[in-house]
Amino acid sequence: MSEDFVRRLPNSGFAFNFSSAGRNAFHLDIKMLLLLVLIVGYGLLVLFSAVEQNSGPVISQLTKISVAFAVMTVMAQISPIVYLRFAPWLYLMGVILLICVAAFGYTVNGSQRWLRIPGLFSFQPSELMKLVVPMILAWYFHDRHLPPRLKHLFWAGIMIAVPAMLIARQPDLGTALIIAASGLIVLFLAGISWRYVFSVLGLALVCAPALWFLLRDYQQQRILTLLNPESDPLGAGWNIIQSKTAIGSGGLFGKGLFQGTQSHLDFLPESQTDFIIAVLAEELGLVGVLALLILYLLLIGRGVVISVQAQDTFGRLLAGTITFTFFVYVFVNIGMVSGILPVVGVPLPLVSYGGTSILTLFAGFGIVMSIHTHRRISL
C-alpha cells in the first residue's frame, strides 16, 4: 500500500495514531513531560532557597503545580478539532470577561485586573487570553490562503488589538505586550510578507515619540530607570541594581545553595517571584543558570518539533505560537532582571512562585500535547 495514503476520521481532519496507542493512552508527550518535571523540580529547589528554606510556600507551589498538571492532562485529552470549533466562542467569552473587568472588576495595588465570584474564587481573564488569542488566529487562518493577504492581516490585527487594549487599560502593560506578541507570532508563522513586517517596524519607530505620552507616569519611570538605574539608587533603580549585583556576585559556580546574601539579607526584592533567577545566579552561578537555560531550550525545541510535525494549519500555528510565546516569557524575564529590558512584571516561567502563570503554561503545553498525540495515522 502506498505510503502516501492517509486515513482520516469522517469530517474531522484528525484521527487516533494506533501505532502509539499504548504510549499515548493519556495523550501525554513523554519527552515534553519529562522536561517539564525537570524544570519544575529545579524551580522548587531554587524557591526553597529564596523563601529562606520555609516549606510552606514550597508546599503551596507544589499544590498549584499538581492542579496545573491535572489541567494539562485534561487539555491533552481534548482533540484539536474541539479547540478549532470552539475558538470563536472562547474568544468572544474572553472579550466579554475583559469588559466585565473594566466595569465590575476589583482593584489590587492600583490595577483592576480581577473578577471575583462571591464565595468561590477570583481570577484574571487576561490569563485566558494568552491561549485564546493564538487559538482564534490559528482558527482564522486555518482555511485561508497563506501567506495571508492584506485584508486578512487587517482583521487579524483587530483580533489582537481588542483584548490587548482592554488589558492595557487595567493597567497591565506586561500581559498586554505578551498577548500582542503571541498574536504577532501567529502572523509570522503564517508567512507574513517581510514587506509588511518592515512597514510596521518603521511605523512603530515613527510613532514612538507620540506613544511616550500615552504611557502612565510609572511606565515612563520604568523606561527611564532602565536607561539610568543609578539616577535613583534607593528608589526606582533599587530593584535593578540589587538584581545585577546578585547576578554578578555569583560568578561561575555561585556562592552555594542557600548561601546567597542579596536575597537572604533582603536586599533583593521579589526574590521568589519576578527576580528569582537572580537568586539562582547568585547561589549556583553561571553554571546553574546555563543548566536552566538548556532545559528551557530543550523544551522549546520539543515544541518546535511538534509544531513542524502537525498535519494541518491550525495545529501548526497554535503549537508553534504557544512554544515561541513561552520563549518570549523566558527572554522578557531574564532581560528585565539583567537590566536590558524594563521591569514589566513577567515571572520566570515554571520557576517563579505563583499559581496563575503556572496554570496557564501547563494548559498551553496540554494543548501542544493534544496536537501531537491526535495526529492522523499513515498506512
Protein backbone atom coordinates (compact mmCIF):
# COMPACT_ATOMS: atom_id res chain seq x y z
CA MET A 1 0.00 0.00 0.00
CA SER A 2 1.28 3.48 -0.87
CA GLU A 3 2.90 5.43 1.93
CA ASP A 4 1.03 8.50 0.72
CA PHE A 5 -2.31 7.01 1.76
CA VAL A 6 -3.72 8.71 4.86
CA ARG A 7 -6.76 7.52 6.80
CA ARG A 8 -8.91 10.17 8.47
CA LEU A 9 -11.92 10.16 10.73
CA PRO A 10 -15.05 11.43 8.92
CA ASN A 11 -15.47 15.22 8.99
CA SER A 12 -12.68 15.75 11.46
CA GLY A 13 -9.25 16.05 9.95
CA PHE A 14 -7.82 14.26 12.99
CA ALA A 15 -7.52 10.61 13.86
CA PHE A 16 -6.02 8.41 16.52
CA ASN A 17 -2.47 7.23 15.97
CA PHE A 18 -2.82 3.47 16.52
CA SER A 19 0.93 2.89 16.40
CA SER A 20 1.31 4.79 19.68
CA ALA A 21 -1.93 3.74 21.37
CA GLY A 22 -0.13 2.30 24.36
CA ARG A 23 2.33 5.15 24.83
CA ASN A 24 -0.31 7.84 24.35
CA ALA A 25 -3.13 6.32 26.38
CA PHE A 26 -3.36 9.66 28.21
CA HIS A 27 -2.24 11.72 25.17
CA LEU A 28 0.82 12.99 27.03
CA ASP A 29 4.09 13.54 25.21
CA ILE A 30 6.69 11.78 27.37
CA LYS A 31 9.65 13.91 26.28
CA MET A 32 7.87 17.17 26.94
CA LEU A 33 6.50 15.85 30.22
CA LEU A 34 9.97 14.84 31.42
CA LEU A 35 11.39 18.27 30.62
CA LEU A 36 8.53 19.97 32.46
CA VAL A 37 9.15 17.82 35.53
CA LEU A 38 12.88 18.64 35.49
CA ILE A 39 12.29 22.40 35.17
CA VAL A 40 9.61 22.45 37.85
CA GLY A 41 11.77 20.37 40.21
CA TYR A 42 14.72 22.69 39.64
CA GLY A 43 12.44 25.66 40.28
CA LEU A 44 11.18 24.22 43.57
CA LEU A 45 14.76 23.84 44.78
CA VAL A 46 15.55 27.49 43.97
CA LEU A 47 12.25 28.60 45.51
CA PHE A 48 13.10 26.72 48.72
CA SER A 49 16.24 28.81 48.99
CA ALA A 50 14.51 32.07 48.01
CA VAL A 51 11.92 31.71 50.83
CA GLU A 52 14.57 31.07 53.50
CA GLN A 53 14.03 27.28 53.47
CA ASN A 54 10.44 27.75 54.57
CA SER A 55 8.47 24.69 53.49
CA GLY A 56 5.12 26.49 53.49
CA PRO A 57 5.47 28.36 50.16
CA VAL A 58 7.11 25.30 48.57
CA ILE A 59 4.20 23.05 49.56
CA SER A 60 1.77 25.70 48.31
CA GLN A 61 3.62 25.89 45.00
CA LEU A 62 3.68 22.09 44.72
CA THR A 63 -0.08 22.03 45.23
CA LYS A 64 -0.56 24.59 42.46
CA ILE A 65 1.72 22.56 40.18
CA SER A 66 -0.35 19.44 40.88
CA VAL A 67 -3.54 21.26 39.91
CA ALA A 68 -1.82 22.61 36.80
CA PHE A 69 -0.65 19.11 35.87
CA ALA A 70 -4.24 17.86 36.16
CA VAL A 71 -5.40 20.72 33.91
CA MET A 72 -2.66 19.88 31.39
CA THR A 73 -3.76 16.23 31.36
CA VAL A 74 -7.37 17.23 30.72
CA MET A 75 -6.38 19.67 27.95
CA ALA A 76 -4.30 16.94 26.29
CA GLN A 77 -7.32 14.60 26.10
CA ILE A 78 -9.36 17.09 24.08
CA SER A 79 -8.98 16.66 20.33
CA PRO A 80 -7.63 19.70 18.44
CA ILE A 81 -10.81 19.68 16.34
CA VAL A 82 -12.69 20.71 19.50
CA TYR A 83 -10.35 23.66 20.04
CA LEU A 84 -10.82 24.57 16.38
CA ARG A 85 -14.61 24.55 16.61
CA PHE A 86 -14.86 26.43 19.90
CA ALA A 87 -12.13 29.03 19.26
CA PRO A 88 -14.55 31.84 18.20
CA TRP A 89 -16.77 31.27 21.23
CA LEU A 90 -13.81 31.20 23.61
CA TYR A 91 -12.55 34.47 22.12
CA LEU A 92 -15.98 36.10 22.45
CA MET A 93 -16.26 34.91 26.06
CA GLY A 94 -12.76 36.23 26.83
CA VAL A 95 -13.52 39.70 25.43
CA ILE A 96 -16.79 39.84 27.40
CA LEU A 97 -14.93 38.93 30.59
CA LEU A 98 -12.37 41.68 29.94
CA ILE A 99 -15.21 44.17 29.50
CA CYS A 100 -16.66 42.92 32.80
CA VAL A 101 -13.29 43.54 34.45
CA ALA A 102 -13.39 47.16 33.25
CA ALA A 103 -16.93 47.55 34.60
CA PHE A 104 -17.04 45.35 37.71
CA GLY A 105 -13.51 44.15 38.43
CA TYR A 106 -11.90 44.82 41.76
CA THR A 107 -8.61 46.61 42.28
CA VAL A 108 -5.41 45.33 43.88
CA ASN A 109 -2.31 47.59 44.15
CA GLY A 110 -3.82 50.12 41.77
CA SER A 111 -4.64 47.62 39.00
CA GLN A 112 -8.17 46.50 38.13
CA ARG A 113 -7.45 43.05 36.71
CA TRP A 114 -9.56 40.56 38.66
CA LEU A 115 -13.11 39.27 38.61
CA ARG A 116 -14.46 37.85 41.85
CA ILE A 117 -17.08 35.12 42.06
CA PRO A 118 -18.66 35.69 45.51
CA GLY A 119 -17.93 32.88 47.92
CA LEU A 120 -15.77 30.95 45.43
CA PHE A 121 -12.63 32.46 43.90
CA SER A 122 -11.08 35.33 41.97
CA PHE A 123 -9.37 35.10 38.58
CA GLN A 124 -7.72 37.16 35.85
CA PRO A 125 -9.49 36.88 32.47
CA SER A 126 -6.32 38.25 30.85
CA GLU A 127 -4.60 34.91 31.56
CA LEU A 128 -7.25 33.14 29.47
CA MET A 129 -6.48 35.39 26.51
CA LYS A 130 -2.85 34.24 26.46
CA LEU A 131 -4.14 30.99 24.97
CA VAL A 132 -7.31 32.20 23.27
CA VAL A 133 -5.70 34.89 21.09
CA PRO A 134 -3.30 32.41 19.36
CA MET A 135 -6.21 29.96 19.10
CA ILE A 136 -8.57 32.40 17.37
CA LEU A 137 -5.87 33.49 14.92
CA ALA A 138 -4.96 29.87 14.12
CA TRP A 139 -8.69 29.25 13.55
CA TYR A 140 -8.94 32.32 11.30
CA PHE A 141 -6.03 31.26 9.07
CA HIS A 142 -6.92 27.55 9.11
CA ASP A 143 -8.92 27.56 5.85
CA ARG A 144 -7.43 30.65 4.25
CA HIS A 145 -4.74 31.07 1.66
CA LEU A 146 -1.26 31.51 3.09
CA PRO A 147 0.74 33.70 3.16
CA PRO A 148 -2.11 35.94 4.38
CA ARG A 149 -3.42 38.78 2.28
CA LEU A 150 -3.64 42.36 3.46
CA LYS A 151 -7.36 42.20 4.32
CA HIS A 152 -6.78 39.08 6.40
CA LEU A 153 -3.94 40.81 8.23
CA PHE A 154 -6.26 43.72 8.97
CA TRP A 155 -8.88 41.53 10.66
CA ALA A 156 -6.18 39.57 12.46
CA GLY A 157 -4.81 42.86 13.77
CA ILE A 158 -8.27 43.76 15.09
CA MET A 159 -8.48 40.40 16.89
CA ILE A 160 -5.14 41.12 18.56
CA ALA A 161 -5.76 44.79 19.34
CA VAL A 162 -9.14 44.43 21.08
CA PRO A 163 -8.01 42.24 24.02
CA ALA A 164 -4.56 43.89 24.15
CA MET A 165 -6.06 47.37 24.57
CA LEU A 166 -8.60 46.20 27.15
CA ILE A 167 -5.80 44.61 29.19
CA ALA A 168 -3.51 47.64 28.82
CA ARG A 169 -6.27 49.81 30.32
CA GLN A 170 -6.40 47.74 33.54
CA PRO A 171 -3.41 48.67 33.54
CA ASP A 172 -1.34 45.57 32.80
CA LEU A 173 1.10 46.54 30.08
CA GLY A 174 3.25 43.43 30.54
CA THR A 175 0.39 41.00 29.85
CA ALA A 176 -0.89 43.18 27.01
CA LEU A 177 2.52 43.05 25.33
CA ILE A 178 2.75 39.27 25.82
CA ILE A 179 -0.67 38.79 24.18
CA ALA A 180 0.22 41.15 21.33
CA ALA A 181 3.49 39.25 20.85
CA SER A 182 1.66 35.91 20.72
CA GLY A 183 -0.64 37.28 18.02
CA LEU A 184 2.29 38.61 16.01
CA ILE A 185 3.99 35.21 16.27
CA VAL A 186 0.94 33.63 14.61
CA LEU A 187 1.20 36.12 11.74
CA PHE A 188 4.92 35.41 11.40
CA LEU A 189 4.36 31.63 11.31
CA ALA A 190 1.56 32.14 8.79
CA GLY A 191 4.15 33.53 6.38
CA ILE A 192 3.50 37.27 6.54
CA SER A 193 5.45 39.18 3.92
CA TRP A 194 8.64 40.85 5.13
CA ARG A 195 7.42 43.97 3.37
CA TYR A 196 4.62 44.24 5.92
CA VAL A 197 6.97 43.44 8.81
CA PHE A 198 9.39 46.25 7.96
CA SER A 199 6.50 48.63 7.28
CA VAL A 200 5.07 48.02 10.75
CA LEU A 201 8.50 48.40 12.37
CA GLY A 202 9.04 51.68 10.54
CA LEU A 203 5.62 52.94 11.59
CA ALA A 204 6.34 51.95 15.20
CA LEU A 205 9.59 53.93 15.18
CA VAL A 206 7.85 56.99 13.76
CA CYS A 207 5.04 56.77 16.35
CA ALA A 208 7.34 56.03 19.31
CA PRO A 209 7.63 59.69 20.47
CA ALA A 210 3.84 60.06 20.45
CA LEU A 211 3.34 56.75 22.27
CA TRP A 212 5.58 58.01 25.07
CA PHE A 213 2.89 60.49 26.15
CA LEU A 214 0.28 57.72 26.24
CA LEU A 215 2.23 55.84 28.91
CA ARG A 216 1.38 56.27 32.57
CA ASP A 217 3.87 58.01 34.84
CA TYR A 218 5.14 54.78 36.43
CA GLN A 219 5.59 53.19 32.98
CA GLN A 220 7.66 56.15 31.81
CA GLN A 221 9.69 55.90 35.02
CA ARG A 222 10.46 52.23 34.33
CA ILE A 223 11.91 53.10 30.93
CA LEU A 224 13.96 55.97 32.36
CA THR A 225 15.19 53.68 35.12
CA LEU A 226 16.28 51.13 32.53
CA LEU A 227 18.42 53.75 30.81
CA ASN A 228 19.98 55.00 34.06
CA PRO A 229 19.12 52.99 37.20
CA GLU A 230 21.81 54.84 39.20
CA SER A 231 19.79 58.07 38.90
CA ASP A 232 17.58 56.83 41.77
CA PRO A 233 19.55 54.07 43.50
CA LEU A 234 17.36 53.98 46.63
CA GLY A 235 14.06 54.27 44.77
CA ALA A 236 13.08 53.22 41.26
CA GLY A 237 16.55 51.88 40.45
CA TRP A 238 16.87 49.72 43.58
CA ASN A 239 15.45 46.51 42.07
CA ILE A 240 17.67 46.51 39.00
CA ILE A 241 20.83 47.49 40.89
CA GLN A 242 20.39 44.77 43.51
CA SER A 243 19.48 42.20 40.88
CA LYS A 244 22.57 42.93 38.80
CA THR A 245 24.67 42.84 41.96
CA ALA A 246 23.31 39.40 42.85
CA ILE A 247 23.90 38.05 39.34
CA GLY A 248 27.44 39.41 39.15
CA SER A 249 28.43 38.22 42.62
CA GLY A 250 27.58 34.62 41.77
CA GLY A 251 30.47 34.23 39.37
CA LEU A 252 30.96 30.91 37.62
CA PHE A 253 29.84 28.43 40.27
CA GLY A 254 27.98 30.68 42.72
CA LYS A 255 28.22 31.13 46.49
CA GLY A 256 26.49 27.83 47.18
CA LEU A 257 22.87 26.80 47.60
CA PHE A 258 21.17 28.68 50.48
CA GLN A 259 24.29 30.90 50.82
CA GLY A 260 23.16 33.96 48.85
CA THR A 261 23.47 37.31 50.60
CA GLN A 262 21.46 39.66 48.37
CA SER A 263 18.29 37.59 48.70
CA HIS A 264 18.66 36.29 52.26
CA LEU A 265 19.55 39.70 53.69
CA ASP A 266 16.51 41.26 51.99
CA PHE A 267 18.46 43.40 49.54
CA LEU A 268 16.77 41.70 46.56
CA PRO A 269 13.02 42.41 46.32
CA GLU A 270 10.52 39.92 44.90
CA SER A 271 13.18 37.22 45.19
CA GLN A 272 10.65 34.38 44.97
CA THR A 273 8.69 35.78 42.00
CA ASP A 274 9.94 38.11 39.25
CA PHE A 275 13.60 38.18 40.37
CA ILE A 276 14.05 34.53 41.27
CA ILE A 277 16.67 33.95 38.57
CA ALA A 278 18.91 36.45 40.40
CA VAL A 279 18.76 34.10 43.40
CA LEU A 280 19.72 31.20 41.12
CA ALA A 281 22.61 33.17 39.58
CA GLU A 282 23.96 34.25 42.97
CA GLU A 283 23.85 30.82 44.59
CA LEU A 284 24.60 28.47 41.67
CA GLY A 285 26.43 30.87 39.38
CA LEU A 286 26.62 30.88 35.61
CA VAL A 287 26.65 27.07 35.58
CA GLY A 288 23.31 26.93 37.39
CA VAL A 289 21.75 29.49 35.03
CA LEU A 290 23.05 27.64 31.96
CA ALA A 291 21.58 24.38 33.26
CA LEU A 292 18.15 26.00 33.46
CA LEU A 293 18.54 27.63 30.03
CA ILE A 294 19.46 24.27 28.48
CA LEU A 295 16.29 22.73 29.91
CA TYR A 296 14.30 25.67 28.54
CA LEU A 297 15.87 25.28 25.10
CA LEU A 298 15.17 21.55 25.04
CA LEU A 299 11.54 22.20 25.93
CA ILE A 300 11.24 24.88 23.26
CA GLY A 301 12.94 22.58 20.76
CA ARG A 302 10.44 19.82 21.53
CA GLY A 303 7.59 22.27 20.98
CA VAL A 304 9.07 23.30 17.63
CA VAL A 305 9.34 19.65 16.55
CA ILE A 306 5.69 19.06 17.48
CA SER A 307 4.58 22.14 15.54
CA VAL A 308 6.55 21.05 12.47
CA GLN A 309 5.02 17.58 12.65
CA ALA A 310 1.48 18.95 12.96
CA GLN A 311 -0.57 17.87 9.98
CA ASP A 312 -2.81 20.87 9.48
CA THR A 313 -2.52 24.66 9.57
CA PHE A 314 -4.45 25.09 12.82
CA GLY A 315 -2.25 22.70 14.78
CA ARG A 316 0.96 24.02 13.25
CA LEU A 317 0.18 27.67 14.01
CA LEU A 318 -1.20 27.03 17.51
CA ALA A 319 1.59 24.69 18.69
CA GLY A 320 4.28 26.94 17.22
CA THR A 321 2.81 30.07 18.80
CA ILE A 322 2.45 28.54 22.27
CA THR A 323 6.06 27.38 22.06
CA PHE A 324 7.52 30.71 20.93
CA THR A 325 5.37 32.65 23.39
CA PHE A 326 6.99 30.56 26.12
CA PHE A 327 10.34 31.71 24.72
CA VAL A 328 9.14 35.33 24.97
CA TYR A 329 8.30 34.74 28.65
CA VAL A 330 11.82 33.49 29.34
CA PHE A 331 13.50 36.23 27.32
CA VAL A 332 11.50 39.09 28.88
CA ASN A 333 12.01 37.91 32.46
CA ILE A 334 15.75 37.34 32.12
CA GLY A 335 16.08 40.58 30.16
CA MET A 336 14.37 42.70 32.82
CA VAL A 337 16.26 41.04 35.71
CA SER A 338 19.61 41.58 33.99
CA GLY A 339 18.81 45.21 33.15
CA ILE A 340 18.40 45.09 29.35
CA LEU A 341 14.58 45.41 29.38
CA PRO A 342 12.19 47.49 31.53
CA VAL A 343 10.62 45.80 34.55
CA VAL A 344 7.15 44.69 33.38
CA GLY A 345 6.21 42.11 35.99
CA VAL A 346 6.63 38.94 33.90
CA PRO A 347 7.52 35.91 36.09
CA LEU A 348 10.14 33.33 35.16
CA PRO A 349 8.05 30.52 33.64
CA LEU A 350 7.68 27.31 35.68
CA VAL A 351 10.10 28.62 38.33
CA SER A 352 8.66 31.79 39.92
CA TYR A 353 6.22 31.43 42.79
CA GLY A 354 2.59 31.83 41.78
CA GLY A 355 -0.34 29.80 40.52
CA THR A 356 -1.93 31.72 37.65
CA SER A 357 1.12 31.69 35.39
CA ILE A 358 1.84 28.01 36.11
CA LEU A 359 -1.76 27.07 35.30
CA THR A 360 -1.75 28.96 32.01
CA LEU A 361 1.59 27.49 30.91
CA PHE A 362 0.63 23.90 31.72
CA ALA A 363 -2.70 24.35 29.94
CA GLY A 364 -0.81 25.57 26.87
CA PHE A 365 1.53 22.60 26.91
CA GLY A 366 -1.51 20.34 27.27
CA ILE A 367 -2.85 21.78 24.01
CA VAL A 368 0.51 21.21 22.34
CA MET A 369 0.50 17.58 23.51
CA SER A 370 -3.04 17.16 22.17
CA ILE A 371 -1.96 18.41 18.75
CA HIS A 372 0.90 15.90 18.73
CA THR A 373 -0.93 12.83 20.04
CA HIS A 374 -4.10 13.24 17.97
CA ARG A 375 -2.30 13.07 14.65
CA ARG A 376 -3.58 11.10 11.69
CA ILE A 377 -2.45 7.53 11.03
CA SER A 378 -0.37 6.95 7.88
CA LEU A 379 -0.59 3.49 6.33
